[in-house]
Amino acid sequence: MQGTQLEFSKSPGNSDVSIGTPHVSDYMDYRLFLSKFFDYRRELSARDLRPYSYATFSAGANIKSPNYLKMIIEGRRNLSPEMVLKFAKALGLNKEQTEDFDLLVSYCQATDPAERNIFLKKLSEHRVQIKLRNGEIDQRTWDKIPNWAAWVIYAMVDQEGVCYDVKTLRALLRGKASEDEIEQALHSLFASGELVLDPETQVVKKSRALIESSEDVPVALVRKLQAQLMYLGLESLYQDGATEREFGTLTLSLTKQEFEEVKFKLRQIRKQINKDNSIARMSSKGERVYQLNIQLFPVTNAAPKATPKFSVEDSAATHNII
């Protein structure tokens, strides 16, 4: 029996901001969105008798301060829930877009990491629902891709002593999935043929890989699956003892070439672990299902190349004075 890898390394990070009219759903920083919106409106009205200005925006939002938008963009002020609605009016947002803007503001202004994660999850789910309704994401494709519970239930075939009834599975999943979610996952796995029930032994077996190819999986769904599994890791950090988990972090500076080399090494490690585990499960069952998440992501931007302000002589002279 073979294990399952979430081979979703090709999913991009933040999508490129659309050219032309700024759309709030393209942004992960509401201040940047406001800045782009203002620049866009200024450019459109550049030849008008009265070009678009901060005062124009304030008037549209029914705000007395003419420079309020400028202060928000520069990070000198935050938006209150009341101001979010006023800004949405001035931005010309509809109901869905206003909800998106509200969640984006809450996400950006949250200072506690856990709270930011909650708003990020809500924002992501809201944007996915909009894309499903608009047809940007195919509903049939979305429905046939299993959620996190299905991935774990699929892997539980290789776990010793598992009975595939809903109540047993819910207990083994530590109550993190509802009975409805488990029933839906089981129906999906058996209906699609990933899992089959051996008619002679009445034992559940894997029939084929959970996903044959990730090429056609919507990026939004890739992110959703990865986020769900990362949240499980966050819960484990607080719920499980140190002997039951392995969490480590490493913060380091890399060149682009070094980054690519580390990515390659991490993929090789993941593939080797999966291969070793698959071989081991051919002869015996496992005791528990574990989730291995490997994360490598930027926490800073590249600094702009500095232009020397002093000559060598000036720099030396300054150094001597200090």
C-alpha atoms as a PDB file:
ATOM      1  CA  MET A   1       0.000   0.000   0.000  1.00  0.00           C
ATOM      2  CA  GLN A   2       1.326   3.373  -0.913  1.00  0.00           C
ATOM      3  CA  GLY A   3       1.142   6.587   1.027  1.00  0.00           C
ATOM      4  CA  THR A   4      -0.170   9.846  -0.384  1.00  0.00           C
ATOM      5  CA  GLN A   5       1.798  12.998  -1.086  1.00  0.00           C
ATOM      6  CA  LEU A   6       0.221  16.392  -1.490  1.00  0.00           C
ATOM      7  CA  GLU A   7       2.228  17.288  -4.570  1.00  0.00           C
ATOM      8  CA  PHE A   8       0.988  20.865  -4.869  1.00  0.00           C
ATOM      9  CA  SER A   9       4.300  22.661  -5.059  1.00  0.00           C
ATOM     10  CA  LYS A  10       3.368  24.333  -8.351  1.00  0.00           C
ATOM     11  CA  SER A  11       0.669  26.500  -6.841  1.00  0.00           C
ATOM     12  CA  PRO A  12       1.667  30.156  -7.029  1.00  0.00           C
ATOM     13  CA  GLY A  13       1.667  32.620  -4.191  1.00  0.00           C
ATOM     14  CA  ASN A  14      -0.347  35.805  -4.399  1.00  0.00           C
ATOM     15  CA  SER A  15      -1.793  36.305  -7.857  1.00  0.00           C
ATOM     16  CA  ASP A  16      -0.577  39.258  -9.850  1.00  0.00           C
ATOM     17  CA  VAL A  17      -2.642  42.368  -9.377  1.00  0.00           C
ATOM     18  CA  SER A  18      -4.900  42.879 -12.378  1.00  0.00           C
ATOM     19  CA  ILE A  19      -4.109  45.637 -14.831  1.00  0.00           C
ATOM     20  CA  GLY A  20      -6.697  48.380 -15.155  1.00  0.00           C
ATOM     21  CA  THR A  21      -9.479  48.881 -12.641  1.00  0.00           C
ATOM     22  CA  PRO A  22      -8.242  47.659  -9.246  1.00  0.00           C
ATOM     23  CA  HIS A  23     -10.401  44.863  -7.807  1.00  0.00           C
ATOM     24  CA  VAL A  24     -10.361  44.341  -4.051  1.00  0.00           C
ATOM     25  CA  SER A  25     -10.301  40.547  -4.457  1.00  0.00           C
ATOM     26  CA  ASP A  26      -6.892  40.789  -6.156  1.00  0.00           C
ATOM     27  CA  TYR A  27      -5.222  42.230  -3.069  1.00  0.00           C
ATOM     28  CA  MET A  28      -3.973  40.946   0.269  1.00  0.00           C
ATOM     29  CA  ASP A  29      -3.164  44.442   1.583  1.00  0.00           C
ATOM     30  CA  TYR A  30      -6.125  46.799   1.764  1.00  0.00           C
ATOM     31  CA  ARG A  31      -3.893  49.887   1.991  1.00  0.00           C
ATOM     32  CA  LEU A  32      -2.219  48.910  -1.283  1.00  0.00           C
ATOM     33  CA  PHE A  33      -5.641  48.396  -2.849  1.00  0.00           C
ATOM     34  CA  LEU A  34      -6.721  51.875  -1.711  1.00  0.00           C
ATOM     35  CA  SER A  35      -3.513  53.369  -3.068  1.00  0.00           C
ATOM     36  CA  LYS A  36      -3.985  51.699  -6.458  1.00  0.00           C
ATOM     37  CA  PHE A  37      -7.641  52.725  -6.545  1.00  0.00           C
ATOM     38  CA  PHE A  38      -6.735  56.355  -5.855  1.00  0.00           C
ATOM     39  CA  ASP A  39      -3.958  56.363  -8.464  1.00  0.00           C
ATOM     40  CA  TYR A  40      -6.323  54.832 -11.011  1.00  0.00           C
ATOM     41  CA  ARG A  41      -9.025  57.435 -10.403  1.00  0.00           C
ATOM     42  CA  ARG A  42      -6.465  60.253 -10.508  1.00  0.00           C
ATOM     43  CA  GLU A  43      -5.157  59.008 -13.838  1.00  0.00           C
ATOM     44  CA  LEU A  44      -8.655  58.738 -15.302  1.00  0.00           C
ATOM     45  CA  SER A  45      -9.497  62.310 -14.314  1.00  0.00           C
ATOM     46  CA  ALA A  46      -6.088  63.856 -15.014  1.00  0.00           C
ATOM     47  CA  ARG A  47      -7.472  66.066 -17.794  1.00  0.00           C
ATOM     48  CA  ASP A  48     -10.662  66.994 -15.992  1.00  0.00           C
ATOM     49  CA  LEU A  49     -11.258  70.482 -14.697  1.00  0.00           C
ATOM     50  CA  ARG A  50     -11.291  69.101 -11.188  1.00  0.00           C
ATOM     51  CA  PRO A  51      -9.160  65.918 -11.027  1.00  0.00           C
ATOM     52  CA  TYR A  52      -9.946  63.211  -8.491  1.00  0.00           C
ATOM     53  CA  SER A  53      -8.448  64.034  -5.075  1.00  0.00           C
ATOM     54  CA  TYR A  54      -8.383  62.876  -1.478  1.00  0.00           C
ATOM     55  CA  ALA A  55     -11.077  65.438  -0.796  1.00  0.00           C
ATOM     56  CA  THR A  56     -13.222  63.916  -3.557  1.00  0.00           C
ATOM     57  CA  PHE A  57     -12.956  60.504  -1.908  1.00  0.00           C
ATOM     58  CA  SER A  58     -13.791  61.920   1.524  1.00  0.00           C
ATOM     59  CA  ALA A  59     -16.862  63.590   0.100  1.00  0.00           C
ATOM     60  CA  GLY A  60     -17.977  60.296  -1.441  1.00  0.00           C
ATOM     61  CA  ALA A  61     -17.458  58.560   1.893  1.00  0.00           C
ATOM     62  CA  ASN A  62     -19.184  61.357   3.830  1.00  0.00           C
ATOM     63  CA  ILE A  63     -16.029  61.988   5.878  1.00  0.00           C
ATOM     64  CA  LYS A  64     -15.156  65.475   7.069  1.00  0.00           C
ATOM     65  CA  SER A  65     -11.375  65.083   6.964  1.00  0.00           C
ATOM     66  CA  PRO A  66     -10.200  65.677   3.340  1.00  0.00           C
ATOM     67  CA  ASN A  67      -6.967  63.725   3.859  1.00  0.00           C
ATOM     68  CA  TYR A  68      -8.415  60.731   5.717  1.00  0.00           C
ATOM     69  CA  LEU A  69      -7.747  58.358   2.814  1.00  0.00           C
ATOM     70  CA  LYS A  70      -4.131  59.533   2.657  1.00  0.00           C
ATOM     71  CA  MET A  71      -3.634  58.780   6.351  1.00  0.00           C
ATOM     72  CA  ILE A  72      -5.101  55.304   5.917  1.00  0.00           C
ATOM     73  CA  ILE A  73      -2.916  54.525   2.902  1.00  0.00           C
ATOM     74  CA  GLU A  74       0.195  55.670   4.768  1.00  0.00           C
ATOM     75  CA  GLY A  75      -0.686  53.510   7.779  1.00  0.00           C
ATOM     76  CA  ARG A  76      -1.159  56.418  10.158  1.00  0.00           C
ATOM     77  CA  ARG A  77      -4.745  55.414  10.909  1.00  0.00           C
ATOM     78  CA  ASN A  78      -6.780  52.206  10.956  1.00  0.00           C
ATOM     79  CA  LEU A  79     -10.292  51.696   9.667  1.00  0.00           C
ATOM     80  CA  SER A  80     -13.119  51.116  12.132  1.00  0.00           C
ATOM     81  CA  PRO A  81     -16.116  48.924  11.138  1.00  0.00           C
ATOM     82  CA  GLU A  82     -18.123  52.108  10.544  1.00  0.00           C
ATOM     83  CA  MET A  83     -15.406  53.556   8.331  1.00  0.00           C
ATOM     84  CA  VAL A  84     -15.174  50.305   6.362  1.00  0.00           C
ATOM     85  CA  LEU A  85     -18.766  50.819   5.226  1.00  0.00           C
ATOM     86  CA  LYS A  86     -18.134  54.475   4.372  1.00  0.00           C
ATOM     87  CA  PHE A  87     -15.047  53.556   2.379  1.00  0.00           C
ATOM     88  CA  ALA A  88     -16.947  50.797   0.574  1.00  0.00           C
ATOM     89  CA  LYS A  89     -19.518  53.371  -0.519  1.00  0.00           C
ATOM     90  CA  ALA A  90     -16.834  55.734  -1.830  1.00  0.00           C
ATOM     91  CA  LEU A  91     -15.131  52.832  -3.598  1.00  0.00           C
ATOM     92  CA  GLY A  92     -18.379  51.847  -5.289  1.00  0.00           C
ATOM     93  CA  LEU A  93     -18.304  48.292  -3.919  1.00  0.00           C
ATOM     94  CA  ASN A  94     -21.306  45.983  -4.110  1.00  0.00           C
ATOM     95  CA  LYS A  95     -22.429  43.718  -1.233  1.00  0.00           C
ATOM     96  CA  GLU A  96     -19.984  40.875  -2.007  1.00  0.00           C
ATOM     97  CA  GLN A  97     -17.094  43.262  -2.536  1.00  0.00           C
ATOM     98  CA  THR A  98     -17.906  45.122   0.679  1.00  0.00           C
ATOM     99  CA  GLU A  99     -17.771  41.873   2.631  1.00  0.00           C
ATOM    100  CA  ASP A 100     -14.461  41.069   0.958  1.00  0.00           C
ATOM    101  CA  PHE A 101     -13.105  44.515   1.836  1.00  0.00           C
ATOM    102  CA  ASP A 102     -14.311  44.163   5.437  1.00  0.00           C
ATOM    103  CA  LEU A 103     -12.573  40.797   5.856  1.00  0.00           C
ATOM    104  CA  LEU A 104      -9.423  42.120   4.186  1.00  0.00           C
ATOM    105  CA  VAL A 105      -9.297  45.095   6.563  1.00  0.00           C
ATOM    106  CA  SER A 106      -9.838  42.815   9.573  1.00  0.00           C
ATOM    107  CA  TYR A 107      -7.077  40.497   8.376  1.00  0.00           C
ATOM    108  CA  CYS A 108      -4.588  43.306   7.775  1.00  0.00           C
ATOM    109  CA  GLN A 109      -5.297  45.142  11.028  1.00  0.00           C
ATOM    110  CA  ALA A 110      -5.277  42.089  13.316  1.00  0.00           C
ATOM    111  CA  THR A 111      -2.151  42.042  15.451  1.00  0.00           C
ATOM    112  CA  ASP A 112      -2.449  38.584  17.002  1.00  0.00           C
ATOM    113  CA  PRO A 113      -1.170  35.848  14.613  1.00  0.00           C
ATOM    114  CA  ALA A 114      -3.976  33.451  15.536  1.00  0.00           C
ATOM    115  CA  GLU A 115      -6.579  36.145  14.881  1.00  0.00           C
ATOM    116  CA  ARG A 116      -4.942  36.973  11.544  1.00  0.00           C
ATOM    117  CA  ASN A 117      -5.148  33.308  10.596  1.00  0.00           C
ATOM    118  CA  ILE A 118      -8.862  33.224  11.381  1.00  0.00           C
ATOM    119  CA  PHE A 119      -9.579  36.249   9.192  1.00  0.00           C
ATOM    120  CA  LEU A 120      -7.326  34.900   6.437  1.00  0.00           C
ATOM    121  CA  LYS A 121      -9.324  31.666   6.423  1.00  0.00           C
ATOM    122  CA  LYS A 122     -12.630  33.565   6.243  1.00  0.00           C
ATOM    123  CA  LEU A 123     -11.315  35.824   3.489  1.00  0.00           C
ATOM    124  CA  SER A 124     -10.065  32.884   1.436  1.00  0.00           C
ATOM    125  CA  GLU A 125     -13.349  30.986   1.782  1.00  0.00           C
ATOM    126  CA  HIS A 126     -15.355  34.086   0.855  1.00  0.00           C
ATOM    127  CA  ARG A 127     -13.321  34.638  -2.309  1.00  0.00           C
ATOM    128  CA  VAL A 128     -13.660  30.997  -3.290  1.00  0.00           C
ATOM    129  CA  GLN A 129     -17.448  31.135  -2.937  1.00  0.00           C
ATOM    130  CA  ILE A 130     -17.570  34.205  -5.175  1.00  0.00           C
ATOM    131  CA  LYS A 131     -15.484  32.433  -7.836  1.00  0.00           C
ATOM    132  CA  LEU A 132     -17.737  29.385  -7.638  1.00  0.00           C
ATOM    133  CA  ARG A 133     -20.846  31.527  -8.108  1.00  0.00           C
ATOM    134  CA  ASN A 134     -19.252  33.437 -10.982  1.00  0.00           C
ATOM    135  CA  GLY A 135     -18.134  30.242 -12.691  1.00  0.00           C
ATOM    136  CA  GLU A 136     -14.421  31.077 -12.412  1.00  0.00           C
ATOM    137  CA  ILE A 137     -14.001  27.753 -10.601  1.00  0.00           C
ATOM    138  CA  ASP A 138     -15.815  24.705 -11.972  1.00  0.00           C
ATOM    139  CA  GLN A 139     -18.175  23.376  -9.296  1.00  0.00           C
ATOM    140  CA  ARG A 140     -17.822  19.765 -10.457  1.00  0.00           C
ATOM    141  CA  THR A 141     -14.032  19.927 -10.263  1.00  0.00           C
ATOM    142  CA  TRP A 142     -14.255  21.541  -6.847  1.00  0.00           C
ATOM    143  CA  ASP A 143     -16.660  18.923  -5.489  1.00  0.00           C
ATOM    144  CA  LYS A 144     -14.668  15.911  -6.644  1.00  0.00           C
ATOM    145  CA  ILE A 145     -11.445  17.023  -4.920  1.00  0.00           C
ATOM    146  CA  PRO A 146     -11.470  15.668  -1.340  1.00  0.00           C
ATOM    147  CA  ASN A 147     -11.084  17.885   1.712  1.00  0.00           C
ATOM    148  CA  TRP A 148      -8.556  17.349   4.494  1.00  0.00           C
ATOM    149  CA  ALA A 149     -10.706  14.737   6.256  1.00  0.00           C
ATOM    150  CA  ALA A 150     -10.813  12.601   3.111  1.00  0.00           C
ATOM    151  CA  TRP A 151      -7.026  12.731   2.802  1.00  0.00           C
ATOM    152  CA  VAL A 152      -6.657  11.473   6.373  1.00  0.00           C
ATOM    153  CA  ILE A 153      -9.387   8.826   6.040  1.00  0.00           C
ATOM    154  CA  TYR A 154      -7.703   7.601   2.867  1.00  0.00           C
ATOM    155  CA  ALA A 155      -4.405   7.260   4.738  1.00  0.00           C
ATOM    156  CA  MET A 156      -6.147   5.434   7.620  1.00  0.00           C
ATOM    157  CA  VAL A 157      -6.398   2.355   5.409  1.00  0.00           C
ATOM    158  CA  ASP A 158      -2.773   1.788   6.413  1.00  0.00           C
ATOM    159  CA  GLN A 159      -3.530   2.243  10.127  1.00  0.00           C
ATOM    160  CA  GLU A 160      -3.984  -0.781  12.376  1.00  0.00           C
ATOM    161  CA  GLY A 161      -7.462  -1.556  13.739  1.00  0.00           C
ATOM    162  CA  VAL A 162      -9.531   1.044  11.867  1.00  0.00           C
ATOM    163  CA  CYS A 163     -13.243   0.368  11.354  1.00  0.00           C
ATOM    164  CA  TYR A 164     -14.769   2.461   8.603  1.00  0.00           C
ATOM    165  CA  ASP A 165     -17.941   3.546  10.369  1.00  0.00           C
ATOM    166  CA  VAL A 166     -18.655   7.230  10.987  1.00  0.00           C
ATOM    167  CA  LYS A 167     -18.576   7.239  14.803  1.00  0.00           C
ATOM    168  CA  THR A 168     -15.306   5.290  14.968  1.00  0.00           C
ATOM    169  CA  LEU A 169     -13.693   7.532  12.387  1.00  0.00           C
ATOM    170  CA  ARG A 170     -14.834  10.683  14.204  1.00  0.00           C
ATOM    171  CA  ALA A 171     -13.250   9.439  17.442  1.00  0.00           C
ATOM    172  CA  LEU A 172     -10.027   8.517  15.661  1.00  0.00           C
ATOM    173  CA  LEU A 173      -9.995  11.945  13.999  1.00  0.00           C
ATOM    174  CA  ARG A 174     -10.067  13.441  17.506  1.00  0.00           C
ATOM    175  CA  GLY A 175     -13.386  15.148  16.886  1.00  0.00           C
ATOM    176  CA  LYS A 176     -11.874  17.565  14.379  1.00  0.00           C
ATOM    177  CA  ALA A 177     -14.327  16.532  11.644  1.00  0.00           C
ATOM    178  CA  SER A 178     -18.101  16.395  11.968  1.00  0.00           C
ATOM    179  CA  GLU A 179     -20.109  13.262  11.160  1.00  0.00           C
ATOM    180  CA  ASP A 180     -21.494  15.005   8.072  1.00  0.00           C
ATOM    181  CA  GLU A 181     -17.964  15.793   6.840  1.00  0.00           C
ATOM    182  CA  ILE A 182     -16.902  12.185   7.416  1.00  0.00           C
ATOM    183  CA  GLU A 183     -19.968  10.780   5.640  1.00  0.00           C
ATOM    184  CA  GLN A 184     -19.361  13.100   2.715  1.00  0.00           C
ATOM    185  CA  ALA A 185     -15.677  12.104   2.576  1.00  0.00           C
ATOM    186  CA  LEU A 186     -16.524   8.386   2.678  1.00  0.00           C
ATOM    187  CA  HIS A 187     -19.137   8.755  -0.044  1.00  0.00           C
ATOM    188  CA  SER A 188     -16.681  10.642  -2.234  1.00  0.00           C
ATOM    189  CA  LEU A 189     -13.851   8.140  -1.703  1.00  0.00           C
ATOM    190  CA  PHE A 190     -15.959   5.054  -2.434  1.00  0.00           C
ATOM    191  CA  ALA A 191     -18.009   6.623  -5.249  1.00  0.00           C
ATOM    192  CA  SER A 192     -14.881   7.736  -7.113  1.00  0.00           C
ATOM    193  CA  GLY A 193     -13.105   4.422  -6.566  1.00  0.00           C
ATOM    194  CA  GLU A 194     -10.202   5.615  -4.456  1.00  0.00           C
ATOM    195  CA  LEU A 195     -11.344   3.190  -1.753  1.00  0.00           C
ATOM    196  CA  VAL A 196     -13.026  -0.177  -2.288  1.00  0.00           C
ATOM    197  CA  LEU A 197     -14.494  -2.798   0.042  1.00  0.00           C
ATOM    198  CA  ASP A 198     -13.100  -6.275  -0.555  1.00  0.00           C
ATOM    199  CA  PRO A 199     -16.214  -8.505  -0.882  1.00  0.00           C
ATOM    200  CA  GLU A 200     -14.446 -11.564   0.557  1.00  0.00           C
ATOM    201  CA  THR A 201     -12.566 -10.080   3.514  1.00  0.00           C
ATOM    202  CA  GLN A 202     -14.816  -7.030   4.068  1.00  0.00           C
ATOM    203  CA  VAL A 203     -11.616  -4.994   4.420  1.00  0.00           C
ATOM    204  CA  VAL A 204     -11.345  -1.479   3.019  1.00  0.00           C
ATOM    205  CA  LYS A 205      -8.484  -1.112   0.543  1.00  0.00           C
ATOM    206  CA  LYS A 206      -6.967   1.588  -1.626  1.00  0.00           C
ATOM    207  CA  SER A 207      -7.792   1.203  -5.298  1.00  0.00           C
ATOM    208  CA  ARG A 208      -5.846   4.111  -6.797  1.00  0.00           C
ATOM    209  CA  ALA A 209      -4.120   7.353  -5.888  1.00  0.00           C
ATOM    210  CA  LEU A 210      -6.331   9.992  -4.311  1.00  0.00           C
ATOM    211  CA  ILE A 211      -5.484  12.438  -7.104  1.00  0.00           C
ATOM    212  CA  GLU A 212      -3.905  11.104 -10.275  1.00  0.00           C
ATOM    213  CA  SER A 213      -2.691  14.541 -11.344  1.00  0.00           C
ATOM    214  CA  SER A 214      -2.768  17.932  -9.661  1.00  0.00           C
ATOM    215  CA  GLU A 215      -2.462  19.814 -12.947  1.00  0.00           C
ATOM    216  CA  ASP A 216      -6.195  20.544 -13.240  1.00  0.00           C
ATOM    217  CA  VAL A 217      -6.800  21.298  -9.570  1.00  0.00           C
ATOM    218  CA  PRO A 218      -7.889  24.941  -9.066  1.00  0.00           C
ATOM    219  CA  VAL A 219      -5.251  27.043  -7.320  1.00  0.00           C
ATOM    220  CA  ALA A 220      -7.866  28.190  -4.787  1.00  0.00           C
ATOM    221  CA  LEU A 221      -8.512  24.575  -3.817  1.00  0.00           C
ATOM    222  CA  VAL A 222      -4.810  23.830  -3.519  1.00  0.00           C
ATOM    223  CA  ARG A 223      -4.506  26.736  -1.101  1.00  0.00           C
ATOM    224  CA  LYS A 224      -7.563  25.593   0.833  1.00  0.00           C
ATOM    225  CA  LEU A 225      -6.193  22.070   1.320  1.00  0.00           C
ATOM    226  CA  GLN A 226      -2.766  23.325   2.313  1.00  0.00           C
ATOM    227  CA  ALA A 227      -4.262  25.857   4.730  1.00  0.00           C
ATOM    228  CA  GLN A 228      -6.499  23.223   6.357  1.00  0.00           C
ATOM    229  CA  LEU A 229      -3.516  20.958   6.996  1.00  0.00           C
ATOM    230  CA  MET A 230      -1.458  23.867   8.329  1.00  0.00           C
ATOM    231  CA  TYR A 231      -4.256  24.727  10.763  1.00  0.00           C
ATOM    232  CA  LEU A 232      -4.170  21.151  12.018  1.00  0.00           C
ATOM    233  CA  GLY A 233      -0.473  21.664  12.649  1.00  0.00           C
ATOM    234  CA  LEU A 234      -1.182  24.868  14.565  1.00  0.00           C
ATOM    235  CA  GLU A 235      -3.709  23.032  16.744  1.00  0.00           C
ATOM    236  CA  SER A 236      -1.195  20.252  17.379  1.00  0.00           C
ATOM    237  CA  LEU A 237       1.318  22.825  18.587  1.00  0.00           C
ATOM    238  CA  TYR A 238      -1.029  23.696  21.450  1.00  0.00           C
ATOM    239  CA  GLN A 239      -2.805  20.368  21.997  1.00  0.00           C
ATOM    240  CA  ASP A 240      -0.122  17.684  21.709  1.00  0.00           C
ATOM    241  CA  GLY A 241       2.856  17.133  23.965  1.00  0.00           C
ATOM    242  CA  ALA A 242       6.386  17.668  22.754  1.00  0.00           C
ATOM    243  CA  THR A 243       6.986  13.901  22.572  1.00  0.00           C
ATOM    244  CA  GLU A 244       4.090  13.468  20.136  1.00  0.00           C
ATOM    245  CA  ARG A 245       5.148  16.045  17.578  1.00  0.00           C
ATOM    246  CA  GLU A 246       8.233  17.580  16.005  1.00  0.00           C
ATOM    247  CA  PHE A 247       8.148  21.286  15.337  1.00  0.00           C
ATOM    248  CA  GLY A 248      11.273  23.148  14.344  1.00  0.00           C
ATOM    249  CA  THR A 249      11.979  26.471  12.721  1.00  0.00           C
ATOM    250  CA  LEU A 250      14.938  27.911  10.887  1.00  0.00           C
ATOM    251  CA  THR A 251      15.245  31.533   9.824  1.00  0.00           C
ATOM    252  CA  LEU A 252      18.030  32.275   7.361  1.00  0.00           C
ATOM    253  CA  SER A 253      19.045  34.520   4.465  1.00  0.00           C
ATOM    254  CA  LEU A 254      19.285  32.884   1.038  1.00  0.00           C
ATOM    255  CA  THR A 255      20.145  33.863  -2.497  1.00  0.00           C
ATOM    256  CA  LYS A 256      17.694  32.903  -5.240  1.00  0.00           C
ATOM    257  CA  GLN A 257      19.944  30.017  -6.271  1.00  0.00           C
ATOM    258  CA  GLU A 258      20.266  28.785  -2.686  1.00  0.00           C
ATOM    259  CA  PHE A 259      16.503  28.999  -2.266  1.00  0.00           C
ATOM    260  CA  GLU A 260      15.966  26.784  -5.306  1.00  0.00           C
ATOM    261  CA  GLU A 261      18.535  24.311  -3.997  1.00  0.00           C
ATOM    262  CA  VAL A 262      16.805  24.096  -0.604  1.00  0.00           C
ATOM    263  CA  LYS A 263      13.440  23.606  -2.314  1.00  0.00           C
ATOM    264  CA  PHE A 264      14.893  20.724  -4.320  1.00  0.00           C
ATOM    265  CA  LYS A 265      16.400  19.096  -1.221  1.00  0.00           C
ATOM    266  CA  LEU A 266      13.122  19.381   0.699  1.00  0.00           C
ATOM    267  CA  ARG A 267      11.222  17.748  -2.147  1.00  0.00           C
ATOM    268  CA  GLN A 268      13.737  14.910  -2.258  1.00  0.00           C
ATOM    269  CA  ILE A 269      13.436  14.400   1.497  1.00  0.00           C
ATOM    270  CA  ARG A 270       9.639  14.314   1.262  1.00  0.00           C
ATOM    271  CA  LYS A 271       9.708  11.830  -1.607  1.00  0.00           C
ATOM    272  CA  GLN A 272      12.200   9.576   0.203  1.00  0.00           C
ATOM    273  CA  ILE A 273      10.119   9.564   3.382  1.00  0.00           C
ATOM    274  CA  ASN A 274       7.023   8.675   1.367  1.00  0.00           C
ATOM    275  CA  LYS A 275       8.870   5.897  -0.451  1.00  0.00           C
ATOM    276  CA  ASP A 276      10.213   4.400   2.790  1.00  0.00           C
ATOM    277  CA  ASN A 277       6.773   4.581   4.373  1.00  0.00           C
ATOM    278  CA  SER A 278       5.122   2.913   1.376  1.00  0.00           C
ATOM    279  CA  ILE A 279       7.564   0.012   1.587  1.00  0.00           C
ATOM    280  CA  ALA A 280       7.007  -0.346   5.342  1.00  0.00           C
ATOM    281  CA  ARG A 281       3.203  -0.439   4.941  1.00  0.00           C
ATOM    282  CA  MET A 282       3.481  -3.389   2.557  1.00  0.00           C
ATOM    283  CA  SER A 283       4.448  -5.649   5.461  1.00  0.00           C
ATOM    284  CA  SER A 284       2.661  -4.091   8.441  1.00  0.00           C
ATOM    285  CA  LYS A 285       0.096  -1.504   9.443  1.00  0.00           C
ATOM    286  CA  GLY A 286       0.922   1.826  11.051  1.00  0.00           C
ATOM    287  CA  GLU A 287      -0.231   2.846  14.537  1.00  0.00           C
ATOM    288  CA  ARG A 288      -1.439   6.395  13.797  1.00  0.00           C
ATOM    289  CA  VAL A 289      -1.732   8.750  10.841  1.00  0.00           C
ATOM    290  CA  TYR A 290       0.693  11.657  10.956  1.00  0.00           C
ATOM    291  CA  GLN A 291       0.786  14.820   8.874  1.00  0.00           C
ATOM    292  CA  LEU A 292       4.143  16.128   7.661  1.00  0.00           C
ATOM    293  CA  ASN A 293       4.087  19.754   6.525  1.00  0.00           C
ATOM    294  CA  ILE A 294       7.195  21.297   5.003  1.00  0.00           C
ATOM    295  CA  GLN A 295       7.081  25.070   4.687  1.00  0.00           C
ATOM    296  CA  LEU A 296       9.613  27.381   3.125  1.00  0.00           C
ATOM    297  CA  PHE A 297       8.416  30.910   2.524  1.00  0.00           C
ATOM    298  CA  PRO A 298       9.726  34.509   2.444  1.00  0.00           C
ATOM    299  CA  VAL A 299       9.331  36.740   5.499  1.00  0.00           C
ATOM    300  CA  THR A 300      11.110  39.776   4.006  1.00  0.00           C
ATOM    301  CA  ASN A 301      11.281  41.502   0.642  1.00  0.00           C
ATOM    302  CA  ALA A 302      14.553  42.003  -1.175  1.00  0.00           C
ATOM    303  CA  ALA A 303      16.087  45.314  -0.139  1.00  0.00           C
ATOM    304  CA  PRO A 304      16.668  47.860  -2.926  1.00  0.00           C
ATOM    305  CA  LYS A 305      20.271  48.286  -3.902  1.00  0.00           C
ATOM    306  CA  ALA A 306      21.563  51.300  -2.027  1.00  0.00           C
ATOM    307  CA  THR A 307      23.190  54.171  -3.898  1.00  0.00           C
ATOM    308  CA  PRO A 308      26.355  55.394  -2.123  1.00  0.00           C
ATOM    309  CA  LYS A 309      25.859  58.886  -0.759  1.00  0.00           C
ATOM    310  CA  PHE A 310      29.518  59.536   0.025  1.00  0.00           C
ATOM    311  CA  SER A 311      32.810  59.030  -1.704  1.00  0.00           C
ATOM    312  CA  VAL A 312      35.360  56.672  -0.216  1.00  0.00           C
ATOM    313  CA  GLU A 313      37.186  59.638   1.322  1.00  0.00           C
ATOM    314  CA  ASP A 314      33.997  61.063   2.811  1.00  0.00           C
ATOM    315  CA  SER A 315      33.034  57.684   4.271  1.00  0.00           C
ATOM    316  CA  ALA A 316      36.455  57.271   5.852  1.00  0.00           C
ATOM    317  CA  ALA A 317      36.313  60.765   7.287  1.00  0.00           C
ATOM    318  CA  THR A 318      32.876  60.112   8.770  1.00  0.00           C
ATOM    319  CA  HIS A 319      34.126  56.867  10.276  1.00  0.00           C
ATOM    320  CA  ASN A 320      37.065  58.665  11.916  1.00  0.00           C
ATOM    321  CA  ILE A 321      34.769  61.301  13.396  1.00  0.00           C
ATOM    322  CA  ILE A 322      32.540  58.612  14.919  1.00  0.00           C
END
